[in-house]
Amino acid sequence: GLIIETSGPKDEVVKFLPPLIIDEDGLNKGFDILDESIA
């Protein structure tokens, strides 16, 4: 449930480009999903 893309010449970067209006709760939920995904 997280929309996130890669960037860089070899797609080596996980890129964070959320809407500027996102609240802290949304940021933390997104990073929680990312943390779980990496694990």
PDB file of all heavy atoms in Angstrom:
ATOM      1  N   GLY A   1       0.774  -1.231   0.000  1.00  0.00           N
ATOM      2  CA  GLY A   1       0.000   0.000   0.000  1.00  0.00           C
ATOM      3  C   GLY A   1       0.807   1.284   0.000  1.00  0.00           C
ATOM      4  O   GLY A   1       0.344   2.308   0.518  1.00  0.00           O
ATOM      5  N   LEU A   2       2.006   1.256  -0.611  1.00  0.00           N
ATOM      6  CA  LEU A   2       2.826   2.462  -0.712  1.00  0.00           C
ATOM      7  C   LEU A   2       3.275   2.636  -2.160  1.00  0.00           C
ATOM      8  O   LEU A   2       3.874   1.737  -2.741  1.00  0.00           O
ATOM      9  CB  LEU A   2       4.046   2.366   0.204  1.00  0.00           C
ATOM     10  CG  LEU A   2       5.031   3.545   0.141  1.00  0.00           C
ATOM     11  CD1 LEU A   2       4.396   4.824   0.673  1.00  0.00           C
ATOM     12  CD2 LEU A   2       6.317   3.221   0.928  1.00  0.00           C
ATOM     13  N   ILE A   3       2.987   3.802  -2.727  1.00  0.00           N
ATOM     14  CA  ILE A   3       3.423   4.131  -4.076  1.00  0.00           C
ATOM     15  C   ILE A   3       4.768   4.846  -3.970  1.00  0.00           C
ATOM     16  O   ILE A   3       4.860   5.957  -3.445  1.00  0.00           O
ATOM     17  CB  ILE A   3       2.409   5.048  -4.792  1.00  0.00           C
ATOM     18  CG1 ILE A   3       1.024   4.400  -4.830  1.00  0.00           C
ATOM     19  CG2 ILE A   3       2.899   5.403  -6.190  1.00  0.00           C
ATOM     20  CD1 ILE A   3       0.941   3.177  -5.685  1.00  0.00           C
ATOM     21  N   ILE A   4       5.804   4.198  -4.480  1.00  0.00           N
ATOM     22  CA  ILE A   4       7.145   4.766  -4.388  1.00  0.00           C
ATOM     23  C   ILE A   4       7.943   4.300  -5.599  1.00  0.00           C
ATOM     24  O   ILE A   4       7.726   3.187  -6.096  1.00  0.00           O
ATOM     25  CB  ILE A   4       7.823   4.339  -3.059  1.00  0.00           C
ATOM     26  CG1 ILE A   4       9.058   5.183  -2.781  1.00  0.00           C
ATOM     27  CG2 ILE A   4       8.126   2.867  -3.032  1.00  0.00           C
ATOM     28  CD1 ILE A   4       9.559   5.042  -1.353  1.00  0.00           C
ATOM     29  N   GLU A   5       8.832   5.153  -6.108  1.00  0.00           N
ATOM     30  CA  GLU A   5       9.581   4.794  -7.305  1.00  0.00           C
ATOM     31  C   GLU A   5      11.082   4.830  -7.067  1.00  0.00           C
ATOM     32  O   GLU A   5      11.561   5.232  -6.001  1.00  0.00           O
ATOM     33  CB  GLU A   5       9.224   5.725  -8.473  1.00  0.00           C
ATOM     34  CG  GLU A   5       9.712   7.144  -8.312  1.00  0.00           C
ATOM     35  CD  GLU A   5       9.747   7.917  -9.624  1.00  0.00           C
ATOM     36  OE1 GLU A   5       9.748   7.295 -10.700  1.00  0.00           O
ATOM     37  OE2 GLU A   5       9.774   9.157  -9.561  1.00  0.00           O
ATOM     38  N   THR A   6      11.815   4.425  -8.088  1.00  0.00           N
ATOM     39  CA  THR A   6      13.271   4.450  -8.049  1.00  0.00           C
ATOM     40  C   THR A   6      13.784   5.565  -8.959  1.00  0.00           C
ATOM     41  O   THR A   6      13.063   6.085  -9.802  1.00  0.00           O
ATOM     42  CB  THR A   6      13.861   3.114  -8.527  1.00  0.00           C
ATOM     43  OG1 THR A   6      13.455   2.880  -9.884  1.00  0.00           O
ATOM     44  CG2 THR A   6      13.394   1.976  -7.653  1.00  0.00           C
ATOM     45  N   SER A   7      15.034   5.941  -8.774  1.00  0.00           N
ATOM     46  CA  SER A   7      15.680   6.877  -9.695  1.00  0.00           C
ATOM     47  C   SER A   7      17.168   6.576  -9.720  1.00  0.00           C
ATOM     48  O   SER A   7      17.659   5.717  -8.985  1.00  0.00           O
ATOM     49  CB  SER A   7      15.421   8.327  -9.276  1.00  0.00           C
ATOM     50  OG  SER A   7      16.199   8.688  -8.155  1.00  0.00           O
ATOM     51  N   GLY A   8      17.889   7.307 -10.562  1.00  0.00           N
ATOM     52  CA  GLY A   8      19.313   7.082 -10.706  1.00  0.00           C
ATOM     53  C   GLY A   8      19.625   6.325 -11.982  1.00  0.00           C
ATOM     54  O   GLY A   8      18.750   5.661 -12.562  1.00  0.00           O
ATOM     55  N   PRO A   9      20.857   6.388 -12.456  1.00  0.00           N
ATOM     56  CA  PRO A   9      21.228   5.739 -13.721  1.00  0.00           C
ATOM     57  C   PRO A   9      21.046   4.233 -13.721  1.00  0.00           C
ATOM     58  O   PRO A   9      20.858   3.616 -14.764  1.00  0.00           O
ATOM     59  CB  PRO A   9      22.706   6.129 -13.902  1.00  0.00           C
ATOM     60  CG  PRO A   9      23.183   6.545 -12.551  1.00  0.00           C
ATOM     61  CD  PRO A   9      21.992   7.132 -11.865  1.00  0.00           C
ATOM     62  N   LYS A  10      21.095   3.613 -12.566  1.00  0.00           N
ATOM     63  CA  LYS A  10      20.880   2.165 -12.461  1.00  0.00           C
ATOM     64  C   LYS A  10      19.666   1.851 -11.585  1.00  0.00           C
ATOM     65  O   LYS A  10      19.551   0.756 -11.050  1.00  0.00           O
ATOM     66  CB  LYS A  10      22.130   1.487 -11.887  1.00  0.00           C
ATOM     67  CG  LYS A  10      23.376   1.626 -12.740  1.00  0.00           C
ATOM     68  CD  LYS A  10      24.529   0.784 -12.229  1.00  0.00           C
ATOM     69  CE  LYS A  10      25.012   1.271 -10.860  1.00  0.00           C
ATOM     70  NZ  LYS A  10      26.171   0.485 -10.374  1.00  0.00           N
ATOM     71  N   ASP A  11      18.746   2.837 -11.455  1.00  0.00           N
ATOM     72  CA  ASP A  11      17.578   2.674 -10.571  1.00  0.00           C
ATOM     73  C   ASP A  11      18.008   2.258  -9.177  1.00  0.00           C
ATOM     74  O   ASP A  11      17.358   1.444  -8.515  1.00  0.00           O
ATOM     75  CB  ASP A  11      16.595   1.642 -11.143  1.00  0.00           C
ATOM     76  CG  ASP A  11      15.814   2.190 -12.316  1.00  0.00           C
ATOM     77  OD1 ASP A  11      15.548   3.403 -12.335  1.00  0.00           O
ATOM     78  OD2 ASP A  11      15.476   1.412 -13.230  1.00  0.00           O
ATOM     79  N   GLU A  12      19.106   2.838  -8.706  1.00  0.00           N
ATOM     80  CA  GLU A  12      19.689   2.422  -7.433  1.00  0.00           C
ATOM     81  C   GLU A  12      19.189   3.223  -6.232  1.00  0.00           C
ATOM     82  O   GLU A  12      19.582   2.949  -5.098  1.00  0.00           O
ATOM     83  CB  GLU A  12      21.226   2.527  -7.504  1.00  0.00           C
ATOM     84  CG  GLU A  12      21.788   3.947  -7.456  1.00  0.00           C
ATOM     85  CD  GLU A  12      21.799   4.685  -8.788  1.00  0.00           C
ATOM     86  OE1 GLU A  12      21.103   4.227  -9.717  1.00  0.00           O
ATOM     87  OE2 GLU A  12      22.488   5.710  -8.902  1.00  0.00           O
ATOM     88  N   VAL A  13      18.314   4.192  -6.472  1.00  0.00           N
ATOM     89  CA  VAL A  13      17.839   5.062  -5.389  1.00  0.00           C
ATOM     90  C   VAL A  13      16.344   4.868  -5.165  1.00  0.00           C
ATOM     91  O   VAL A  13      15.556   4.919  -6.118  1.00  0.00           O
ATOM     92  CB  VAL A  13      18.122   6.548  -5.707  1.00  0.00           C
ATOM     93  CG1 VAL A  13      17.626   7.443  -4.565  1.00  0.00           C
ATOM     94  CG2 VAL A  13      19.602   6.782  -5.955  1.00  0.00           C
ATOM     95  N   VAL A  14      15.949   4.613  -3.921  1.00  0.00           N
ATOM     96  CA  VAL A  14      14.534   4.638  -3.543  1.00  0.00           C
ATOM     97  C   VAL A  14      14.195   6.106  -3.270  1.00  0.00           C
ATOM     98  O   VAL A  14      14.802   6.739  -2.404  1.00  0.00           O
ATOM     99  CB  VAL A  14      14.259   3.781  -2.293  1.00  0.00           C
ATOM    100  CG1 VAL A  14      12.784   3.861  -1.920  1.00  0.00           C
ATOM    101  CG2 VAL A  14      14.656   2.334  -2.552  1.00  0.00           C
ATOM    102  N   LYS A  15      13.240   6.626  -4.013  1.00  0.00           N
ATOM    103  CA  LYS A  15      13.000   8.064  -4.089  1.00  0.00           C
ATOM    104  C   LYS A  15      11.730   8.456  -3.331  1.00  0.00           C
ATOM    105  O   LYS A  15      10.670   7.877  -3.555  1.00  0.00           O
ATOM    106  CB  LYS A  15      12.872   8.448  -5.563  1.00  0.00           C
ATOM    107  CG  LYS A  15      12.623   9.900  -5.875  1.00  0.00           C
ATOM    108  CD  LYS A  15      12.533  10.048  -7.393  1.00  0.00           C
ATOM    109  CE  LYS A  15      12.289  11.469  -7.828  1.00  0.00           C
ATOM    110  NZ  LYS A  15      12.161  11.557  -9.308  1.00  0.00           N
ATOM    111  N   PHE A  16      11.858   9.449  -2.453  1.00  0.00           N
ATOM    112  CA  PHE A  16      10.717   9.907  -1.651  1.00  0.00           C
ATOM    113  C   PHE A  16      10.265  11.277  -2.161  1.00  0.00           C
ATOM    114  O   PHE A  16      10.986  12.256  -2.041  1.00  0.00           O
ATOM    115  CB  PHE A  16      11.104   9.994  -0.177  1.00  0.00           C
ATOM    116  CG  PHE A  16      11.779   8.750   0.327  1.00  0.00           C
ATOM    117  CD1 PHE A  16      13.073   8.785   0.828  1.00  0.00           C
ATOM    118  CD2 PHE A  16      11.125   7.535   0.280  1.00  0.00           C
ATOM    119  CE1 PHE A  16      13.697   7.634   1.277  1.00  0.00           C
ATOM    120  CE2 PHE A  16      11.738   6.373   0.727  1.00  0.00           C
ATOM    121  CZ  PHE A  16      13.025   6.423   1.231  1.00  0.00           C
ATOM    122  N   LEU A  17       9.051  11.305  -2.711  1.00  0.00           N
ATOM    123  CA  LEU A  17       8.518  12.522  -3.319  1.00  0.00           C
ATOM    124  C   LEU A  17       7.036  12.679  -2.933  1.00  0.00           C
ATOM    125  O   LEU A  17       6.169  12.769  -3.800  1.00  0.00           O
ATOM    126  CB  LEU A  17       8.663  12.417  -4.837  1.00  0.00           C
ATOM    127  CG  LEU A  17       8.974  13.672  -5.642  1.00  0.00           C
ATOM    128  CD1 LEU A  17      10.360  14.200  -5.307  1.00  0.00           C
ATOM    129  CD2 LEU A  17       8.893  13.364  -7.135  1.00  0.00           C
ATOM    130  N   PRO A  18       6.731  12.704  -1.635  1.00  0.00           N
ATOM    131  CA  PRO A  18       5.324  12.783  -1.225  1.00  0.00           C
ATOM    132  C   PRO A  18       4.744  14.166  -1.498  1.00  0.00           C
ATOM    133  O   PRO A  18       5.488  15.144  -1.640  1.00  0.00           O
ATOM    134  CB  PRO A  18       5.390  12.514   0.279  1.00  0.00           C
ATOM    135  CG  PRO A  18       6.737  13.041   0.672  1.00  0.00           C
ATOM    136  CD  PRO A  18       7.647  12.713  -0.479  1.00  0.00           C
ATOM    137  N   PRO A  19       3.415  14.288  -1.582  1.00  0.00           N
ATOM    138  CA  PRO A  19       2.819  15.625  -1.656  1.00  0.00           C
ATOM    139  C   PRO A  19       3.274  16.472  -0.477  1.00  0.00           C
ATOM    140  O   PRO A  19       3.434  15.961   0.642  1.00  0.00           O
ATOM    141  CB  PRO A  19       1.314  15.334  -1.594  1.00  0.00           C
ATOM    142  CG  PRO A  19       1.172  13.935  -2.086  1.00  0.00           C
ATOM    143  CD  PRO A  19       2.398  13.223  -1.608  1.00  0.00           C
ATOM    144  N   LEU A  20       3.485  17.746  -0.712  1.00  0.00           N
ATOM    145  CA  LEU A  20       3.980  18.628   0.353  1.00  0.00           C
ATOM    146  C   LEU A  20       2.975  18.791   1.479  1.00  0.00           C
ATOM    147  O   LEU A  20       3.343  19.162   2.596  1.00  0.00           O
ATOM    148  CB  LEU A  20       4.333  20.002  -0.222  1.00  0.00           C
ATOM    149  CG  LEU A  20       5.335  20.023  -1.383  1.00  0.00           C
ATOM    150  CD1 LEU A  20       5.643  21.461  -1.784  1.00  0.00           C
ATOM    151  CD2 LEU A  20       6.613  19.279  -1.031  1.00  0.00           C
ATOM    152  N   ILE A  21       1.714  18.511   1.199  1.00  0.00           N
ATOM    153  CA  ILE A  21       0.654  18.694   2.202  1.00  0.00           C
ATOM    154  C   ILE A  21       0.496  17.476   3.106  1.00  0.00           C
ATOM    155  O   ILE A  21      -0.326  17.489   4.025  1.00  0.00           O
ATOM    156  CB  ILE A  21      -0.690  19.030   1.536  1.00  0.00           C
ATOM    157  CG1 ILE A  21      -1.041  18.018   0.425  1.00  0.00           C
ATOM    158  CG2 ILE A  21      -0.640  20.432   0.945  1.00  0.00           C
ATOM    159  CD1 ILE A  21      -1.672  16.748   0.839  1.00  0.00           C
ATOM    160  N   ILE A  22       1.278  16.430   2.880  1.00  0.00           N
ATOM    161  CA  ILE A  22       1.165  15.226   3.700  1.00  0.00           C
ATOM    162  C   ILE A  22       1.427  15.566   5.164  1.00  0.00           C
ATOM    163  O   ILE A  22       2.247  16.440   5.478  1.00  0.00           O
ATOM    164  CB  ILE A  22       2.157  14.140   3.210  1.00  0.00           C
ATOM    165  CG1 ILE A  22       1.837  12.780   3.837  1.00  0.00           C
ATOM    166  CG2 ILE A  22       3.599  14.558   3.465  1.00  0.00           C
ATOM    167  CD1 ILE A  22       2.623  11.626   3.219  1.00  0.00           C
ATOM    168  N   ASP A  23       0.717  14.908   6.066  1.00  0.00           N
ATOM    169  CA  ASP A  23       0.949  15.161   7.494  1.00  0.00           C
ATOM    170  C   ASP A  23       1.975  14.165   8.033  1.00  0.00           C
ATOM    171  O   ASP A  23       2.395  13.231   7.343  1.00  0.00           O
ATOM    172  CB  ASP A  23      -0.350  15.105   8.292  1.00  0.00           C
ATOM    173  CG  ASP A  23      -1.122  13.804   8.121  1.00  0.00           C
ATOM    174  OD1 ASP A  23      -0.491  12.759   7.853  1.00  0.00           O
ATOM    175  OD2 ASP A  23      -2.364  13.826   8.243  1.00  0.00           O
ATOM    176  N   GLU A  24       2.392  14.377   9.277  1.00  0.00           N
ATOM    177  CA  GLU A  24       3.431  13.521   9.863  1.00  0.00           C
ATOM    178  C   GLU A  24       2.951  12.089  10.008  1.00  0.00           C
ATOM    179  O   GLU A  24       3.735  11.147   9.870  1.00  0.00           O
ATOM    180  CB  GLU A  24       3.881  14.089  11.211  1.00  0.00           C
ATOM    181  CG  GLU A  24       4.641  15.396  11.089  1.00  0.00           C
ATOM    182  CD  GLU A  24       5.285  15.838  12.397  1.00  0.00           C
ATOM    183  OE1 GLU A  24       5.163  15.093  13.399  1.00  0.00           O
ATOM    184  OE2 GLU A  24       5.923  16.910  12.409  1.00  0.00           O
ATOM    185  N   ASP A  25       1.667  11.921  10.266  1.00  0.00           N
ATOM    186  CA  ASP A  25       1.107  10.576  10.386  1.00  0.00           C
ATOM    187  C   ASP A  25       1.262   9.832   9.058  1.00  0.00           C
ATOM    188  O   ASP A  25       1.648   8.656   9.029  1.00  0.00           O
ATOM    189  CB  ASP A  25      -0.364  10.652  10.796  1.00  0.00           C
ATOM    190  CG  ASP A  25      -0.977   9.283  11.021  1.00  0.00           C
ATOM    191  OD1 ASP A  25      -0.452   8.520  11.853  1.00  0.00           O
ATOM    192  OD2 ASP A  25      -1.985   8.968  10.355  1.00  0.00           O
ATOM    193  N   GLY A  26       0.963  10.517   7.968  1.00  0.00           N
ATOM    194  CA  GLY A  26       1.099   9.898   6.652  1.00  0.00           C
ATOM    195  C   GLY A  26       2.538   9.546   6.330  1.00  0.00           C
ATOM    196  O   GLY A  26       2.825   8.475   5.776  1.00  0.00           O
ATOM    197  N   LEU A  27       3.455  10.442   6.669  1.00  0.00           N
ATOM    198  CA  LEU A  27       4.875  10.151   6.443  1.00  0.00           C
ATOM    199  C   LEU A  27       5.331   8.934   7.237  1.00  0.00           C
ATOM    200  O   LEU A  27       6.007   8.045   6.713  1.00  0.00           O
ATOM    201  CB  LEU A  27       5.728  11.370   6.827  1.00  0.00           C
ATOM    202  CG  LEU A  27       5.713  12.559   5.867  1.00  0.00           C
ATOM    203  CD1 LEU A  27       6.426  13.746   6.486  1.00  0.00           C
ATOM    204  CD2 LEU A  27       6.347  12.197   4.526  1.00  0.00           C
ATOM    205  N   ASN A  28       4.942   8.891   8.508  1.00  0.00           N
ATOM    206  CA  ASN A  28       5.365   7.773   9.353  1.00  0.00           C
ATOM    207  C   ASN A  28       4.746   6.454   8.894  1.00  0.00           C
ATOM    208  O   ASN A  28       5.423   5.416   8.886  1.00  0.00           O
ATOM    209  CB  ASN A  28       5.013   8.053  10.813  1.00  0.00           C
ATOM    210  CG  ASN A  28       6.020   8.983  11.476  1.00  0.00           C
ATOM    211  OD1 ASN A  28       7.225   8.842  11.280  1.00  0.00           O
ATOM    212  ND2 ASN A  28       5.532   9.936  12.256  1.00  0.00           N
ATOM    213  N   LYS A  29       3.476   6.483   8.476  1.00  0.00           N
ATOM    214  CA  LYS A  29       2.855   5.255   7.974  1.00  0.00           C
ATOM    215  C   LYS A  29       3.562   4.766   6.710  1.00  0.00           C
ATOM    216  O   LYS A  29       3.796   3.569   6.532  1.00  0.00           O
ATOM    217  CB  LYS A  29       1.375   5.496   7.692  1.00  0.00           C
ATOM    218  CG  LYS A  29       0.508   5.568   8.940  1.00  0.00           C
ATOM    219  CD  LYS A  29      -0.964   5.783   8.583  1.00  0.00           C
ATOM    220  CE  LYS A  29      -1.824   5.826   9.840  1.00  0.00           C
ATOM    221  NZ  LYS A  29      -3.258   6.106   9.516  1.00  0.00           N
ATOM    222  N   GLY A  30       3.900   5.720   5.837  1.00  0.00           N
ATOM    223  CA  GLY A  30       4.610   5.351   4.619  1.00  0.00           C
ATOM    224  C   GLY A  30       5.966   4.734   4.915  1.00  0.00           C
ATOM    225  O   GLY A  30       6.344   3.713   4.328  1.00  0.00           O
ATOM    226  N   PHE A  31       6.697   5.328   5.848  1.00  0.00           N
ATOM    227  CA  PHE A  31       8.020   4.793   6.186  1.00  0.00           C
ATOM    228  C   PHE A  31       7.914   3.480   6.951  1.00  0.00           C
ATOM    229  O   PHE A  31       8.806   2.628   6.852  1.00  0.00           O
ATOM    230  CB  PHE A  31       8.837   5.827   6.958  1.00  0.00           C
ATOM    231  CG  PHE A  31       9.622   6.734   6.059  1.00  0.00           C
ATOM    232  CD1 PHE A  31       9.138   7.986   5.732  1.00  0.00           C
ATOM    233  CD2 PHE A  31      10.828   6.314   5.516  1.00  0.00           C
ATOM    234  CE1 PHE A  31       9.852   8.817   4.875  1.00  0.00           C
ATOM    235  CE2 PHE A  31      11.556   7.133   4.663  1.00  0.00           C
ATOM    236  CZ  PHE A  31      11.061   8.398   4.337  1.00  0.00           C
ATOM    237  N   ASP A  32       6.829   3.298   7.702  1.00  0.00           N
ATOM    238  CA  ASP A  32       6.620   2.004   8.355  1.00  0.00           C
ATOM    239  C   ASP A  32       6.454   0.904   7.308  1.00  0.00           C
ATOM    240  O   ASP A  32       7.001  -0.201   7.442  1.00  0.00           O
ATOM    241  CB  ASP A  32       5.387   2.054   9.261  1.00  0.00           C
ATOM    242  CG  ASP A  32       5.607   2.875  10.520  1.00  0.00           C
ATOM    243  OD1 ASP A  32       6.775   3.163  10.852  1.00  0.00           O
ATOM    244  OD2 ASP A  32       4.600   3.249  11.178  1.00  0.00           O
ATOM    245  N   ILE A  33       5.676   1.213   6.261  1.00  0.00           N
ATOM    246  CA  ILE A  33       5.492   0.247   5.167  1.00  0.00           C
ATOM    247  C   ILE A  33       6.825  -0.037   4.487  1.00  0.00           C
ATOM    248  O   ILE A  33       7.158  -1.184   4.174  1.00  0.00           O
ATOM    249  CB  ILE A  33       4.457   0.768   4.150  1.00  0.00           C
ATOM    250  CG1 ILE A  33       3.063   0.820   4.777  1.00  0.00           C
ATOM    251  CG2 ILE A  33       4.445  -0.105   2.888  1.00  0.00           C
ATOM    252  CD1 ILE A  33       2.017   1.492   3.897  1.00  0.00           C
ATOM    253  N   LEU A  34       7.600   1.017   4.254  1.00  0.00           N
ATOM    254  CA  LEU A  34       8.904   0.840   3.619  1.00  0.00           C
ATOM    255  C   LEU A  34       9.808  -0.036   4.477  1.00  0.00           C
ATOM    256  O   LEU A  34      10.487  -0.943   3.966  1.00  0.00           O
ATOM    257  CB  LEU A  34       9.557   2.202   3.384  1.00  0.00           C
ATOM    258  CG  LEU A  34      10.945   2.152   2.735  1.00  0.00           C
ATOM    259  CD1 LEU A  34      10.851   1.661   1.299  1.00  0.00           C
ATOM    260  CD2 LEU A  34      11.617   3.515   2.802  1.00  0.00           C
ATOM    261  N   ASP A  35       9.821   0.223   5.774  1.00  0.00           N
ATOM    262  CA  ASP A  35      10.644  -0.567   6.707  1.00  0.00           C
ATOM    263  C   ASP A  35      10.250  -2.043   6.626  1.00  0.00           C
ATOM    264  O   ASP A  35      11.110  -2.936   6.519  1.00  0.00           O
ATOM    265  CB  ASP A  35      10.444  -0.015   8.119  1.00  0.00           C
ATOM    266  CG  ASP A  35      11.484  -0.540   9.103  1.00  0.00           C
ATOM    267  OD1 ASP A  35      11.896  -1.704   8.980  1.00  0.00           O
ATOM    268  OD2 ASP A  35      11.880   0.224  10.003  1.00  0.00           O
ATOM    269  N   GLU A  36       8.945  -2.311   6.669  1.00  0.00           N
ATOM    270  CA  GLU A  36       8.446  -3.696   6.585  1.00  0.00           C
ATOM    271  C   GLU A  36       8.843  -4.332   5.256  1.00  0.00           C
ATOM    272  O   GLU A  36       9.189  -5.526   5.193  1.00  0.00           O
ATOM    273  CB  GLU A  36       6.933  -3.711   6.735  1.00  0.00           C
ATOM    274  CG  GLU A  36       6.435  -3.266   8.106  1.00  0.00           C
ATOM    275  CD  GLU A  36       4.940  -2.925   8.098  1.00  0.00           C
ATOM    276  OE1 GLU A  36       4.310  -3.097   7.011  1.00  0.00           O
ATOM    277  OE2 GLU A  36       4.422  -2.485   9.140  1.00  0.00           O
ATOM    278  N   SER A  37       8.798  -3.532   4.204  1.00  0.00           N
ATOM    279  CA  SER A  37       9.119  -4.041   2.861  1.00  0.00           C
ATOM    280  C   SER A  37      10.583  -4.412   2.753  1.00  0.00           C
ATOM    281  O   SER A  37      10.951  -5.448   2.166  1.00  0.00           O
ATOM    282  CB  SER A  37       8.759  -2.999   1.798  1.00  0.00           C
ATOM    283  OG  SER A  37       7.386  -2.654   1.860  1.00  0.00           O
ATOM    284  N   ILE A  38      11.452  -3.572   3.306  1.00  0.00           N
ATOM    285  CA  ILE A  38      12.887  -3.869   3.281  1.00  0.00           C
ATOM    286  C   ILE A  38      13.178  -5.156   4.063  1.00  0.00           C
ATOM    287  O   ILE A  38      13.932  -6.024   3.612  1.00  0.00           O
ATOM    288  CB  ILE A  38      13.686  -2.685   3.866  1.00  0.00           C
ATOM    289  CG1 ILE A  38      13.569  -1.469   2.937  1.00  0.00           C
ATOM    290  CG2 ILE A  38      15.144  -3.054   4.064  1.00  0.00           C
ATOM    291  CD1 ILE A  38      14.142  -0.185   3.521  1.00  0.00           C
ATOM    292  N   ALA A  39      12.560  -5.252   5.233  1.00  0.00           N
ATOM    293  CA  ALA A  39      12.760  -6.445   6.055  1.00  0.00           C
ATOM    294  C   ALA A  39      12.326  -7.703   5.311  1.00  0.00           C
ATOM    295  O   ALA A  39      13.019  -8.735   5.344  1.00  0.00           O
ATOM    296  CB  ALA A  39      11.995  -6.306   7.374  1.00  0.00           C
TER     297      ALA A  39
END
